[in-house]
PDB file of N, CA and C in Angstrom:
ATOM      1  N   MET A   1      14.858 -10.145 -15.263  1.00  0.00           N
ATOM      2  CA  MET A   1      15.775 -10.266 -14.137  1.00  0.00           C
ATOM      3  C   MET A   1      15.300  -9.365 -12.990  1.00  0.00           C
ATOM      4  N   ALA A   2      15.192  -9.929 -11.815  1.00  0.00           N
ATOM      5  CA  ALA A   2      14.754  -9.170 -10.650  1.00  0.00           C
ATOM      6  C   ALA A   2      15.894  -8.305 -10.122  1.00  0.00           C
ATOM      7  N   ARG A   3      15.538  -7.151  -9.607  1.00  0.00           N
ATOM      8  CA  ARG A   3      16.508  -6.244  -8.993  1.00  0.00           C
ATOM      9  C   ARG A   3      16.323  -6.282  -7.483  1.00  0.00           C
ATOM     10  N   ARG A   4      17.373  -6.037  -6.783  1.00  0.00           N
ATOM     11  CA  ARG A   4      17.286  -5.916  -5.334  1.00  0.00           C
ATOM     12  C   ARG A   4      16.715  -4.538  -5.003  1.00  0.00           C
ATOM     13  N   VAL A   5      15.739  -4.482  -4.102  1.00  0.00           N
ATOM     14  CA  VAL A   5      15.159  -3.226  -3.650  1.00  0.00           C
ATOM     15  C   VAL A   5      15.691  -2.943  -2.254  1.00  0.00           C
ATOM     16  N   ARG A   6      16.268  -1.758  -2.108  1.00  0.00           N
ATOM     17  CA  ARG A   6      16.853  -1.341  -0.832  1.00  0.00           C
ATOM     18  C   ARG A   6      16.150  -0.084  -0.354  1.00  0.00           C
ATOM     19  N   ARG A   7      16.115   0.116   0.945  1.00  0.00           N
ATOM     20  CA  ARG A   7      15.499   1.308   1.538  1.00  0.00           C
ATOM     21  C   ARG A   7      16.597   2.251   2.028  1.00  0.00           C
ATOM     22  N   HIS A   8      16.612   3.458   1.506  1.00  0.00           N
ATOM     23  CA  HIS A   8      17.561   4.487   1.921  1.00  0.00           C
ATOM     24  C   HIS A   8      17.171   4.991   3.320  1.00  0.00           C
ATOM     25  N   ALA A   9      18.123   5.535   4.041  1.00  0.00           N
ATOM     26  CA  ALA A   9      17.859   6.068   5.386  1.00  0.00           C
ATOM     27  C   ALA A   9      16.774   7.148   5.371  1.00  0.00           C
ATOM     28  N   ASP A  10      16.720   7.959   4.317  1.00  0.00           N
ATOM     29  CA  ASP A  10      15.672   8.986   4.215  1.00  0.00           C
ATOM     30  C   ASP A  10      14.286   8.339   4.137  1.00  0.00           C
ATOM     31  N   PHE A  11      14.172   7.255   3.390  1.00  0.00           N
ATOM     32  CA  PHE A  11      12.907   6.532   3.272  1.00  0.00           C
ATOM     33  C   PHE A  11      12.519   5.934   4.626  1.00  0.00           C
ATOM     34  N   LEU A  12      13.472   5.316   5.301  1.00  0.00           N
ATOM     35  CA  LEU A  12      13.184   4.709   6.604  1.00  0.00           C
ATOM     36  C   LEU A  12      12.739   5.759   7.621  1.00  0.00           C
ATOM     37  N   ALA A  13      13.344   6.936   7.582  1.00  0.00           N
ATOM     38  CA  ALA A  13      12.936   8.022   8.483  1.00  0.00           C
ATOM     39  C   ALA A  13      11.512   8.469   8.162  1.00  0.00           C
ATOM     40  N   ASP A  14      11.196   8.560   6.872  1.00  0.00           N
ATOM     41  CA  ASP A  14       9.829   8.923   6.472  1.00  0.00           C
ATOM     42  C   ASP A  14       8.824   7.883   6.961  1.00  0.00           C
ATOM     43  N   VAL A  15       9.143   6.613   6.803  1.00  0.00           N
ATOM     44  CA  VAL A  15       8.249   5.537   7.244  1.00  0.00           C
ATOM     45  C   VAL A  15       8.028   5.632   8.751  1.00  0.00           C
ATOM     46  N   THR A  16       9.095   5.844   9.488  1.00  0.00           N
ATOM     47  CA  THR A  16       8.992   5.965  10.949  1.00  0.00           C
ATOM     48  C   THR A  16       8.066   7.113  11.335  1.00  0.00           C
ATOM     49  N   ARG A  17       8.226   8.266  10.684  1.00  0.00           N
ATOM     50  CA  ARG A  17       7.362   9.421  10.981  1.00  0.00           C
ATOM     51  C   ARG A  17       5.900   9.131  10.629  1.00  0.00           C
ATOM     52  N   GLN A  18       5.673   8.501   9.483  1.00  0.00           N
ATOM     53  CA  GLN A  18       4.295   8.206   9.082  1.00  0.00           C
ATOM     54  C   GLN A  18       3.651   7.192  10.025  1.00  0.00           C
ATOM     55  N   LEU A  19       4.403   6.170  10.420  1.00  0.00           N
ATOM     56  CA  LEU A  19       3.854   5.172  11.353  1.00  0.00           C
ATOM     57  C   LEU A  19       3.535   5.806  12.705  1.00  0.00           C
ATOM     58  N   ALA A  20       4.386   6.698  13.189  1.00  0.00           N
ATOM     59  CA  ALA A  20       4.128   7.381  14.465  1.00  0.00           C
ATOM     60  C   ALA A  20       2.870   8.240  14.362  1.00  0.00           C
ATOM     61  N   TRP A  21       2.709   8.942  13.243  1.00  0.00           N
ATOM     62  CA  TRP A  21       1.516   9.767  13.052  1.00  0.00           C
ATOM     63  C   TRP A  21       0.261   8.889  13.017  1.00  0.00           C
ATOM     64  N   LEU A  22       0.326   7.796  12.281  1.00  0.00           N
ATOM     65  CA  LEU A  22      -0.816   6.879  12.204  1.00  0.00           C
ATOM     66  C   LEU A  22      -1.160   6.305  13.576  1.00  0.00           C
ATOM     67  N   ALA A  23      -0.140   5.954  14.356  1.00  0.00           N
ATOM     68  CA  ALA A  23      -0.375   5.391  15.690  1.00  0.00           C
ATOM     69  C   ALA A  23      -1.113   6.390  16.592  1.00  0.00           C
ATOM     70  N   ARG A  24      -0.823   7.678  16.414  1.00  0.00           N
ATOM     71  CA  ARG A  24      -1.472   8.711  17.234  1.00  0.00           C
ATOM     72  C   ARG A  24      -2.852   9.105  16.711  1.00  0.00           C
ATOM     73  N   ASN A  25      -3.067   9.006  15.410  1.00  0.00           N
ATOM     74  CA  ASN A  25      -4.241   9.632  14.804  1.00  0.00           C
ATOM     75  C   ASN A  25      -5.214   8.701  14.077  1.00  0.00           C
ATOM     76  N   ARG A  26      -4.853   7.468  13.851  1.00  0.00           N
ATOM     77  CA  ARG A  26      -5.714   6.565  13.078  1.00  0.00           C
ATOM     78  C   ARG A  26      -5.819   5.208  13.773  1.00  0.00           C
ATOM     79  N   GLU A  27      -6.715   4.397  13.237  1.00  0.00           N
ATOM     80  CA  GLU A  27      -6.884   3.038  13.753  1.00  0.00           C
ATOM     81  C   GLU A  27      -5.674   2.190  13.373  1.00  0.00           C
ATOM     82  N   THR A  28      -5.442   1.133  14.139  1.00  0.00           N
ATOM     83  CA  THR A  28      -4.319   0.226  13.893  1.00  0.00           C
ATOM     84  C   THR A  28      -4.353  -0.356  12.485  1.00  0.00           C
ATOM     85  N   SER A  29      -5.542  -0.505  11.926  1.00  0.00           N
ATOM     86  CA  SER A  29      -5.650  -1.077  10.587  1.00  0.00           C
ATOM     87  C   SER A  29      -4.895  -0.242   9.550  1.00  0.00           C
ATOM     88  N   TRP A  30      -4.774   1.067   9.766  1.00  0.00           N
ATOM     89  CA  TRP A  30      -4.015   1.925   8.846  1.00  0.00           C
ATOM     90  C   TRP A  30      -2.540   1.542   8.835  1.00  0.00           C
ATOM     91  N   ILE A  31      -1.997   1.222   9.986  1.00  0.00           N
ATOM     92  CA  ILE A  31      -0.592   0.812  10.070  1.00  0.00           C
ATOM     93  C   ILE A  31      -0.399  -0.493   9.313  1.00  0.00           C
ATOM     94  N   ASP A  32      -1.318  -1.425   9.514  1.00  0.00           N
ATOM     95  CA  ASP A  32      -1.239  -2.706   8.801  1.00  0.00           C
ATOM     96  C   ASP A  32      -1.333  -2.504   7.297  1.00  0.00           C
ATOM     97  N   ARG A  33      -2.229  -1.635   6.851  1.00  0.00           N
ATOM     98  CA  ARG A  33      -2.383  -1.372   5.421  1.00  0.00           C
ATOM     99  C   ARG A  33      -1.124  -0.740   4.832  1.00  0.00           C
ATOM    100  N   LEU A  34      -0.519   0.214   5.561  1.00  0.00           N
ATOM    101  CA  LEU A  34       0.708   0.829   5.062  1.00  0.00           C
ATOM    102  C   LEU A  34       1.817  -0.214   4.946  1.00  0.00           C
ATOM    103  N   ARG A  35       1.972  -1.043   5.950  1.00  0.00           N
ATOM    104  CA  ARG A  35       3.003  -2.096   5.889  1.00  0.00           C
ATOM    105  C   ARG A  35       2.765  -3.041   4.715  1.00  0.00           C
ATOM    106  N   THR A  36       1.526  -3.440   4.511  1.00  0.00           N
ATOM    107  CA  THR A  36       1.202  -4.313   3.380  1.00  0.00           C
ATOM    108  C   THR A  36       1.503  -3.620   2.055  1.00  0.00           C
ATOM    109  N   ASP A  37       1.145  -2.348   1.962  1.00  0.00           N
ATOM    110  CA  ASP A  37       1.444  -1.590   0.737  1.00  0.00           C
ATOM    111  C   ASP A  37       2.937  -1.519   0.465  1.00  0.00           C
ATOM    112  N   LEU A  38       3.739  -1.324   1.503  1.00  0.00           N
ATOM    113  CA  LEU A  38       5.189  -1.247   1.316  1.00  0.00           C
ATOM    114  C   LEU A  38       5.750  -2.575   0.807  1.00  0.00           C
ATOM    115  N   ILE A  39       5.211  -3.670   1.292  1.00  0.00           N
ATOM    116  CA  ILE A  39       5.630  -4.991   0.797  1.00  0.00           C
ATOM    117  C   ILE A  39       5.242  -5.144  -0.672  1.00  0.00           C
ATOM    118  N   ARG A  40       4.023  -4.764  -1.011  1.00  0.00           N
ATOM    119  CA  ARG A  40       3.551  -4.876  -2.403  1.00  0.00           C
ATOM    120  C   ARG A  40       4.387  -4.018  -3.352  1.00  0.00           C
ATOM    121  N   VAL A  41       4.692  -2.811  -2.936  1.00  0.00           N
ATOM    122  CA  VAL A  41       5.489  -1.917  -3.790  1.00  0.00           C
ATOM    123  C   VAL A  41       6.899  -2.473  -3.958  1.00  0.00           C
ATOM    124  N   THR A  42       7.477  -3.003  -2.905  1.00  0.00           N
ATOM    125  CA  THR A  42       8.813  -3.605  -2.997  1.00  0.00           C
ATOM    126  C   THR A  42       8.804  -4.753  -3.997  1.00  0.00           C
ATOM    127  N   GLU A  43       7.791  -5.605  -3.916  1.00  0.00           N
ATOM    128  CA  GLU A  43       7.683  -6.724  -4.863  1.00  0.00           C
ATOM    129  C   GLU A  43       7.493  -6.234  -6.297  1.00  0.00           C
ATOM    130  N   LEU A  44       6.686  -5.199  -6.484  1.00  0.00           N
ATOM    131  CA  LEU A  44       6.473  -4.629  -7.808  1.00  0.00           C
ATOM    132  C   LEU A  44       7.779  -4.095  -8.392  1.00  0.00           C
ATOM    133  N   LEU A  45       8.495  -3.295  -7.619  1.00  0.00           N
ATOM    134  CA  LEU A  45       9.716  -2.662  -8.122  1.00  0.00           C
ATOM    135  C   LEU A  45      10.841  -3.665  -8.322  1.00  0.00           C
ATOM    136  N   ASP A  46      10.813  -4.743  -7.578  1.00  0.00           N
ATOM    137  CA  ASP A  46      11.787  -5.813  -7.763  1.00  0.00           C
ATOM    138  C   ASP A  46      11.704  -6.357  -9.185  1.00  0.00           C
ATOM    139  N   ARG A  47      10.504  -6.461  -9.704  1.00  0.00           N
ATOM    140  CA  ARG A  47      10.283  -7.024 -11.038  1.00  0.00           C
ATOM    141  C   ARG A  47      10.120  -5.971 -12.135  1.00  0.00           C
ATOM    142  N   TYR A  48       9.507  -4.850 -11.802  1.00  0.00           N
ATOM    143  CA  TYR A  48       9.193  -3.820 -12.798  1.00  0.00           C
ATOM    144  C   TYR A  48       9.633  -2.437 -12.312  1.00  0.00           C
ATOM    145  N   PRO A  49      10.919  -2.158 -12.329  1.00  0.00           N
ATOM    146  CA  PRO A  49      11.385  -0.875 -11.799  1.00  0.00           C
ATOM    147  C   PRO A  49      10.867   0.333 -12.570  1.00  0.00           C
ATOM    148  N   GLY A  50      10.433   0.142 -13.798  1.00  0.00           N
ATOM    149  CA  GLY A  50       9.894   1.247 -14.583  1.00  0.00           C
ATOM    150  C   GLY A  50       8.416   1.508 -14.338  1.00  0.00           C
ATOM    151  N   ALA A  51       7.842   0.910 -13.316  1.00  0.00           N
ATOM    152  CA  ALA A  51       6.400   1.008 -13.076  1.00  0.00           C
ATOM    153  C   ALA A  51       5.940   2.415 -12.690  1.00  0.00           C
ATOM    154  N   GLY A  52       6.773   3.177 -12.050  1.00  0.00           N
ATOM    155  CA  GLY A  52       6.369   4.489 -11.563  1.00  0.00           C
ATOM    156  C   GLY A  52       6.548   5.599 -12.579  1.00  0.00           C
ATOM    157  N   ALA A  53       5.908   6.723 -12.302  1.00  0.00           N
ATOM    158  CA  ALA A  53       6.007   7.914 -13.153  1.00  0.00           C
ATOM    159  C   ALA A  53       7.363   8.582 -12.947  1.00  0.00           C
ATOM    160  N   VAL A  54       7.968   9.043 -14.032  1.00  0.00           N
ATOM    161  CA  VAL A  54       9.272   9.718 -13.960  1.00  0.00           C
ATOM    162  C   VAL A  54       9.090  11.109 -13.359  1.00  0.00           C
ATOM    163  N   LEU A  55       9.916  11.406 -12.339  1.00  0.00           N
ATOM    164  CA  LEU A  55       9.948  12.734 -11.740  1.00  0.00           C
ATOM    165  C   LEU A  55      11.133  13.544 -12.256  1.00  0.00           C
ATOM    166  N   GLU A  56      12.264  12.865 -12.432  1.00  0.00           N
ATOM    167  CA  GLU A  56      13.496  13.538 -12.837  1.00  0.00           C
ATOM    168  C   GLU A  56      14.438  12.499 -13.419  1.00  0.00           C
ATOM    169  N   ARG A  57      15.288  12.955 -14.317  1.00  0.00           N
ATOM    170  CA  ARG A  57      16.274  12.057 -14.929  1.00  0.00           C
ATOM    171  C   ARG A  57      17.614  12.792 -15.005  1.00  0.00           C
ATOM    172  N   GLN A  58      18.676  12.083 -14.633  1.00  0.00           N
ATOM    173  CA  GLN A  58      20.044  12.594 -14.780  1.00  0.00           C
ATOM    174  C   GLN A  58      20.867  11.467 -15.393  1.00  0.00           C
ATOM    175  N   ARG A  59      21.200  11.654 -16.661  1.00  0.00           N
ATOM    176  CA  ARG A  59      21.853  10.597 -17.435  1.00  0.00           C
ATOM    177  C   ARG A  59      20.997   9.337 -17.371  1.00  0.00           C
ATOM    178  N   SER A  60      21.559   8.216 -16.971  1.00  0.00           N
ATOM    179  CA  SER A  60      20.784   6.974 -16.926  1.00  0.00           C
ATOM    180  C   SER A  60      20.097   6.758 -15.579  1.00  0.00           C
ATOM    181  N   ILE A  61      20.312   7.666 -14.633  1.00  0.00           N
ATOM    182  CA  ILE A  61      19.675   7.567 -13.321  1.00  0.00           C
ATOM    183  C   ILE A  61      18.306   8.225 -13.403  1.00  0.00           C
ATOM    184  N   VAL A  62      17.298   7.497 -12.969  1.00  0.00           N
ATOM    185  CA  VAL A  62      15.938   8.025 -13.024  1.00  0.00           C
ATOM    186  C   VAL A  62      15.317   7.999 -11.628  1.00  0.00           C
ATOM    187  N   LEU A  63      14.634   9.084 -11.298  1.00  0.00           N
ATOM    188  CA  LEU A  63      13.866   9.187 -10.057  1.00  0.00           C
ATOM    189  C   LEU A  63      12.407   9.043 -10.452  1.00  0.00           C
ATOM    190  N   ARG A  64      11.732   8.058  -9.859  1.00  0.00           N
ATOM    191  CA  ARG A  64      10.333   7.786 -10.179  1.00  0.00           C
ATOM    192  C   ARG A  64       9.482   7.833  -8.918  1.00  0.00           C
ATOM    193  N   ARG A  65       8.169   7.891  -9.153  1.00  0.00           N
ATOM    194  CA  ARG A  65       7.196   7.925  -8.073  1.00  0.00           C
ATOM    195  C   ARG A  65       6.165   6.838  -8.328  1.00  0.00           C
ATOM    196  N   VAL A  66       5.813   6.109  -7.291  1.00  0.00           N
ATOM    197  CA  VAL A  66       4.763   5.097  -7.396  1.00  0.00           C
ATOM    198  C   VAL A  66       3.758   5.343  -6.263  1.00  0.00           C
ATOM    199  N   VAL A  67       2.478   5.239  -6.619  1.00  0.00           N
ATOM    200  CA  VAL A  67       1.395   5.416  -5.656  1.00  0.00           C
ATOM    201  C   VAL A  67       1.139   4.078  -4.977  1.00  0.00           C
ATOM    202  N   LEU A  68       1.063   4.095  -3.648  1.00  0.00           N
ATOM    203  CA  LEU A  68       0.780   2.864  -2.925  1.00  0.00           C
ATOM    204  C   LEU A  68      -0.673   2.455  -3.168  1.00  0.00           C
ATOM    205  N   PRO A  69      -0.947   1.134  -3.241  1.00  0.00           N
ATOM    206  CA  PRO A  69      -2.254   0.671  -3.718  1.00  0.00           C
ATOM    207  C   PRO A  69      -3.459   0.939  -2.817  1.00  0.00           C
ATOM    208  N   SER A  70      -3.312   0.906  -1.495  1.00  0.00           N
ATOM    209  CA  SER A  70      -4.520   1.015  -0.662  1.00  0.00           C
ATOM    210  C   SER A  70      -4.434   2.088   0.417  1.00  0.00           C
ATOM    211  N   THR A  71      -3.387   2.873   0.396  1.00  0.00           N
ATOM    212  CA  THR A  71      -3.234   3.968   1.354  1.00  0.00           C
ATOM    213  C   THR A  71      -2.871   5.237   0.576  1.00  0.00           C
ATOM    214  N   PRO A  72      -3.085   6.403   1.177  1.00  0.00           N
ATOM    215  CA  PRO A  72      -2.828   7.656   0.456  1.00  0.00           C
ATOM    216  C   PRO A  72      -1.356   8.089   0.524  1.00  0.00           C
ATOM    217  N   TYR A  73      -0.473   7.186   0.151  1.00  0.00           N
ATOM    218  CA  TYR A  73       0.960   7.477   0.187  1.00  0.00           C
ATOM    219  C   TYR A  73       1.576   7.214  -1.179  1.00  0.00           C
ATOM    220  N   LEU A  74       2.718   7.834  -1.387  1.00  0.00           N
ATOM    221  CA  LEU A  74       3.502   7.568  -2.580  1.00  0.00           C
ATOM    222  C   LEU A  74       4.966   7.462  -2.200  1.00  0.00           C
ATOM    223  N   ALA A  75       5.678   6.654  -2.958  1.00  0.00           N
ATOM    224  CA  ALA A  75       7.093   6.412  -2.702  1.00  0.00           C
ATOM    225  C   ALA A  75       7.914   6.910  -3.886  1.00  0.00           C
ATOM    226  N   TRP A  76       9.028   7.554  -3.580  1.00  0.00           N
ATOM    227  CA  TRP A  76      10.010   7.938  -4.595  1.00  0.00           C
ATOM    228  C   TRP A  76      11.113   6.894  -4.572  1.00  0.00           C
ATOM    229  N   TYR A  77      11.645   6.573  -5.738  1.00  0.00           N
ATOM    230  CA  TYR A  77      12.752   5.625  -5.819  1.00  0.00           C
ATOM    231  C   TYR A  77      13.666   5.987  -6.986  1.00  0.00           C
ATOM    232  N   VAL A  78      14.915   5.561  -6.892  1.00  0.00           N
ATOM    233  CA  VAL A  78      15.898   5.804  -7.950  1.00  0.00           C
ATOM    234  C   VAL A  78      16.525   4.487  -8.368  1.00  0.00           C
ATOM    235  N   TYR A  79      16.981   4.456  -9.624  1.00  0.00           N
ATOM    236  CA  TYR A  79      17.758   3.325 -10.121  1.00  0.00           C
ATOM    237  C   TYR A  79      18.428   3.732 -11.415  1.00  0.00           C
ATOM    238  N   ASP A  80      19.394   2.937 -11.822  1.00  0.00           N
ATOM    239  CA  ASP A  80      20.129   3.178 -13.059  1.00  0.00           C
ATOM    240  C   ASP A  80      19.515   2.310 -14.144  1.00  0.00           C
ATOM    241  N   GLU A  81      18.882   2.943 -15.132  1.00  0.00           N
ATOM    242  CA  GLU A  81      18.198   2.206 -16.190  1.00  0.00           C
ATOM    243  C   GLU A  81      19.154   1.405 -17.068  1.00  0.00           C
ATOM    244  N   GLU A  82      20.398   1.829 -17.167  1.00  0.00           N
ATOM    245  CA  GLU A  82      21.356   1.148 -18.047  1.00  0.00           C
ATOM    246  C   GLU A  82      22.000  -0.073 -17.405  1.00  0.00           C
ATOM    247  N   ARG A  83      21.818  -0.247 -16.118  1.00  0.00           N
ATOM    248  CA  ARG A  83      22.417  -1.392 -15.422  1.00  0.00           C
ATOM    249  C   ARG A  83      21.315  -2.321 -14.910  1.00  0.00           C
ATOM    250  N   PRO A  84      21.077  -3.437 -15.592  1.00  0.00           N
ATOM    251  CA  PRO A  84      20.008  -4.341 -15.170  1.00  0.00           C
ATOM    252  C   PRO A  84      20.241  -4.970 -13.797  1.00  0.00           C
ATOM    253  N   ASP A  85      21.482  -4.951 -13.319  1.00  0.00           N
ATOM    254  CA  ASP A  85      21.786  -5.521 -12.010  1.00  0.00           C
ATOM    255  C   ASP A  85      21.782  -4.472 -10.904  1.00  0.00           C
ATOM    256  N   ALA A  86      21.546  -3.202 -11.247  1.00  0.00           N
ATOM    257  CA  ALA A  86      21.577  -2.128 -10.253  1.00  0.00           C
ATOM    258  C   ALA A  86      20.382  -2.217  -9.314  1.00  0.00           C
ATOM    259  N   GLU A  87      20.598  -1.819  -8.079  1.00  0.00           N
ATOM    260  CA  GLU A  87      19.537  -1.806  -7.088  1.00  0.00           C
ATOM    261  C   GLU A  87      18.493  -0.740  -7.408  1.00  0.00           C
ATOM    262  N   VAL A  88      17.292  -0.992  -6.956  1.00  0.00           N
ATOM    263  CA  VAL A  88      16.247   0.020  -6.889  1.00  0.00           C
ATOM    264  C   VAL A  88      16.290   0.516  -5.449  1.00  0.00           C
ATOM    265  N   ILE A  89      16.383   1.827  -5.281  1.00  0.00           N
ATOM    266  CA  ILE A  89      16.513   2.382  -3.933  1.00  0.00           C
ATOM    267  C   ILE A  89      15.302   3.245  -3.623  1.00  0.00           C
ATOM    268  N   LEU A  90      14.500   2.796  -2.662  1.00  0.00           N
ATOM    269  CA  LEU A  90      13.384   3.597  -2.170  1.00  0.00           C
ATOM    270  C   LEU A  90      13.984   4.741  -1.363  1.00  0.00           C
ATOM    271  N   VAL A  91      13.660   5.986  -1.754  1.00  0.00           N
ATOM    272  CA  VAL A  91      14.362   7.120  -1.143  1.00  0.00           C
ATOM    273  C   VAL A  91      13.472   8.037  -0.309  1.00  0.00           C
ATOM    274  N   ARG A  92      12.170   8.115  -0.611  1.00  0.00           N
ATOM    275  CA  ARG A  92      11.267   8.966   0.173  1.00  0.00           C
ATOM    276  C   ARG A  92       9.869   8.360   0.185  1.00  0.00           C
ATOM    277  N   LEU A  93       9.123   8.643   1.266  1.00  0.00           N
ATOM    278  CA  LEU A  93       7.721   8.251   1.383  1.00  0.00           C
ATOM    279  C   LEU A  93       6.945   9.495   1.798  1.00  0.00           C
ATOM    280  N   PHE A  94       5.919   9.827   1.035  1.00  0.00           N
ATOM    281  CA  PHE A  94       5.112  11.014   1.310  1.00  0.00           C
ATOM    282  C   PHE A  94       3.632  10.660   1.345  1.00  0.00           C
ATOM    283  N   HIS A  95       2.885  11.402   2.159  1.00  0.00           N
ATOM    284  CA  HIS A  95       1.431  11.347   2.069  1.00  0.00           C
ATOM    285  C   HIS A  95       1.054  12.060   0.776  1.00  0.00           C
ATOM    286  N   ALA A  96      -0.015  11.635   0.132  1.00  0.00           N
ATOM    287  CA  ALA A  96      -0.416  12.215  -1.152  1.00  0.00           C
ATOM    288  C   ALA A  96      -0.653  13.722  -1.059  1.00  0.00           C
ATOM    289  N   GLN A  97      -1.089  14.215   0.086  1.00  0.00           N
ATOM    290  CA  GLN A  97      -1.376  15.645   0.258  1.00  0.00           C
ATOM    291  C   GLN A  97      -0.190  16.424   0.839  1.00  0.00           C
ATOM    292  N   GLN A  98       0.877  15.733   1.139  1.00  0.00           N
ATOM    293  CA  GLN A  98       2.051  16.359   1.755  1.00  0.00           C
ATOM    294  C   GLN A  98       2.814  17.205   0.741  1.00  0.00           C
ATOM    295  N   ARG A  99       3.308  18.348   1.188  1.00  0.00           N
ATOM    296  CA  ARG A  99       4.180  19.148   0.328  1.00  0.00           C
ATOM    297  C   ARG A  99       5.485  18.392   0.156  1.00  0.00           C
ATOM    298  N   ARG A 100       5.976  18.380  -1.080  1.00  0.00           N
ATOM    299  CA  ARG A 100       7.184  17.613  -1.377  1.00  0.00           C
ATOM    300  C   ARG A 100       8.255  18.535  -1.945  1.00  0.00           C
ATOM    301  N   PRO A 101       9.513  18.249  -1.643  1.00  0.00           N
ATOM    302  CA  PRO A 101      10.581  19.078  -2.203  1.00  0.00           C
ATOM    303  C   PRO A 101      10.697  18.858  -3.711  1.00  0.00           C
ATOM    304  N   ALA A 102      11.368  19.762  -4.378  1.00  0.00           N
ATOM    305  CA  ALA A 102      11.641  19.575  -5.804  1.00  0.00           C
ATOM    306  C   ALA A 102      12.484  18.320  -5.971  1.00  0.00           C
ATOM    307  N   PRO A 103      12.157  17.481  -6.937  1.00  0.00           N
ATOM    308  CA  PRO A 103      12.924  16.244  -7.139  1.00  0.00           C
ATOM    309  C   PRO A 103      14.385  16.545  -7.474  1.00  0.00           C
ATOM    310  N   ASP A 104      15.299  15.892  -6.780  1.00  0.00           N
ATOM    311  CA  ASP A 104      16.729  16.053  -7.041  1.00  0.00           C
ATOM    312  C   ASP A 104      17.418  14.711  -6.824  1.00  0.00           C
ATOM    313  N   PRO A 105      17.497  13.874  -7.878  1.00  0.00           N
ATOM    314  CA  PRO A 105      18.097  12.553  -7.711  1.00  0.00           C
ATOM    315  C   PRO A 105      19.565  12.591  -7.313  1.00  0.00           C
ATOM    316  N   SER A 106      20.245  13.718  -7.511  1.00  0.00           N
ATOM    317  CA  SER A 106      21.668  13.769  -7.164  1.00  0.00           C
ATOM    318  C   SER A 106      21.894  13.519  -5.676  1.00  0.00           C
ATOM    319  N   ARG A 107      20.869  13.757  -4.857  1.00  0.00           N
ATOM    320  CA  ARG A 107      20.996  13.488  -3.413  1.00  0.00           C
ATOM    321  C   ARG A 107      21.277  12.007  -3.148  1.00  0.00           C
ATOM    322  N   TRP A 108      20.760  11.153  -4.028  1.00  0.00           N
ATOM    323  CA  TRP A 108      20.899   9.702  -3.819  1.00  0.00           C
ATOM    324  C   TRP A 108      21.834   9.047  -4.825  1.00  0.00           C
ATOM    325  N   LEU A 109      22.442   9.836  -5.695  1.00  0.00           N
ATOM    326  CA  LEU A 109      23.385   9.279  -6.683  1.00  0.00           C
ATOM    327  C   LEU A 109      24.701   8.935  -6.016  1.00  0.00           C
ATOM    328  N   PRO A 110      25.382   7.912  -6.520  1.00  0.00           N
ATOM    329  CA  PRO A 110      26.684   7.580  -5.941  1.00  0.00           C
ATOM    330  C   PRO A 110      27.690   8.689  -6.196  1.00  0.00           C
ATOM    331  N   ARG A 111      28.495   8.963  -5.215  1.00  0.00           N
ATOM    332  CA  ARG A 111      29.602   9.901  -5.375  1.00  0.00           C
ATOM    333  C   ARG A 111      30.757   9.143  -6.039  1.00  0.00           C
ATOM    334  N   ALA A 112      31.689   9.843  -6.568  1.00  0.00           N
ATOM    335  CA  ALA A 112      32.842   9.192  -7.210  1.00  0.00           C
ATOM    336  C   ALA A 112      33.511   8.252  -6.229  1.00  0.00           C
ATOM    337  N   GLY A 113      33.610   6.980  -6.606  1.00  0.00           N
ATOM    338  CA  GLY A 113      34.293   5.995  -5.775  1.00  0.00           C
ATOM    339  C   GLY A 113      33.484   5.468  -4.613  1.00  0.00           C
ATOM    340  N   SER A 114      32.170   5.751  -4.545  1.00  0.00           N
ATOM    341  CA  SER A 114      31.381   5.254  -3.423  1.00  0.00           C
ATOM    342  C   SER A 114      30.123   4.584  -3.928  1.00  0.00           C
ATOM    343  N   GLN A 115      29.410   3.923  -3.029  1.00  0.00           N
ATOM    344  CA  GLN A 115      28.144   3.271  -3.324  1.00  0.00           C
ATOM    345  C   GLN A 115      27.020   4.157  -2.824  1.00  0.00           C
ATOM    346  N   VAL A 116      25.834   4.001  -3.431  1.00  0.00           N
ATOM    347  CA  VAL A 116      24.648   4.742  -2.973  1.00  0.00           C
ATOM    348  C   VAL A 116      24.225   4.178  -1.635  1.00  0.00           C
TER     349      VAL A 116
END
């Protein structure tokens, strides 16, 4: 069963920053490659949400990391392993050499009575 993949506002902000940096510092082909990679990763996670390496786990909620196929970026995502209908939420995008915060899936977990 395929899952819906959604992009969190934090992920979208990261993508915007990376695209702006690429536009200033690299050839246009880098932007195209990053966009293609994001499409490929979305398709992968739609079908195989367990594809990435586990960074952190809180109960049935897991935060994973997947390396993009042709660019030096990685994406963090969360989902509920016990709910096959739960969304996969892309939450952060980092350059492979970028310093990253300590993984904390609670930032993207639903609060009582709310949606992620």
